[in-house]
Structures are given as structure tokens and as C-alpha cells.
């Protein structure tokens, strides 16, 4: 299955890499949103899995969805292919591969940043600057989420790597040493 997902991702990337960074991001975002709608909404899931709903009707819904989200025709074609093969659940395995290919091509890193409280603009800019240097990227997309449970510090996740400098983790390590 991993080989098929990688092959699908590579085939989609071949048709995507000539587009602008904004178009590629919109496409990846639309694929993610479609998958989330499919997983979270029983009506959407039922519509796309129902054998009496014709493929042209499913394709029209996909076309409308993708047009609304300004995604590429290639992403639309991938969704149609996945629907035809009943493999829509493979999107979460394909997306990270596409994001990795996009980041390498555009010299962009997408970084999930978890903090206890909202970062100030100056802290965001400093963090982005440091990440650009460390990762040797020309652009860093910082996706900030607030999680008061980490107590303080920061947790960064990028391309499957995790850097946890949260106060919660540091306290847990101290507790293990003391007990």
C-alpha cells in the first residue's frame, strides 16, 4: 500500500510542480478539506460511497468543491480516481508525501507550532528566521496552535520530526529522574 500511495503522490506531483506555490498550497489544502469533510460528515461519506449515485454526479460535486477552493484540475482528477477505486481513505497517506515534495521544490517548510499562549508577531518573525536558517529554506510556513496543557515552551512538528521543548515535557523528565 505504501508503494501505491507514493506512486499516486509522485504522479500527482508531476502534474503539480509546474504550478505556482499558491496553486499547489490551494490544491493540498483542498485535498485535506475534502478528506476531512468525507471523514467527519456522514452525508458526504454516504453520498460518495452510495452505489446508486452516478459517477458523473460525484464528479460534479468534486468539480464544484475544487473550484470553490481554487485547486488544480490534477487534484480534481486524483479525487475522481480515488472515488472510482474506492480509495478516498488514502488521502492522509498521500498528503504528507505531496507536502514533502512541495517543500523540497519550493524550498518551503511547513512547521506546526504548539504553544501555551499566542506568540507575539516579533516572536513569530524571530522563530521563522531561525527556522529558515536551521532548515536552509527560503520560506517557513508557521501554523500556530494554542495548547495550554504544555504549560510553556514550544513544540514544533515538521515533516514527521518532533522537537518538544515544552515545560510539561521537561517537568515529566525531571519527575522520571526523581522517582
Foldseek 3Di string as FASTA:
>chain_A
DLVVLLVLLVVLCVVVLVDDLVQLVLLLVLLVVLLCCCVVPVVNVCQLPPPVNDLVNVLVVLVVSCVVSNYDVSSSVSCSVCSVVVNSVCSVVNSLSNQVVSCVSQLEWEKEKEFQDDDDPVVVVVVQVVCCVVSVGPGYHYHYDHDNVLVGDMWMDTSRDIDDPGPNVVVVVVVVVVD
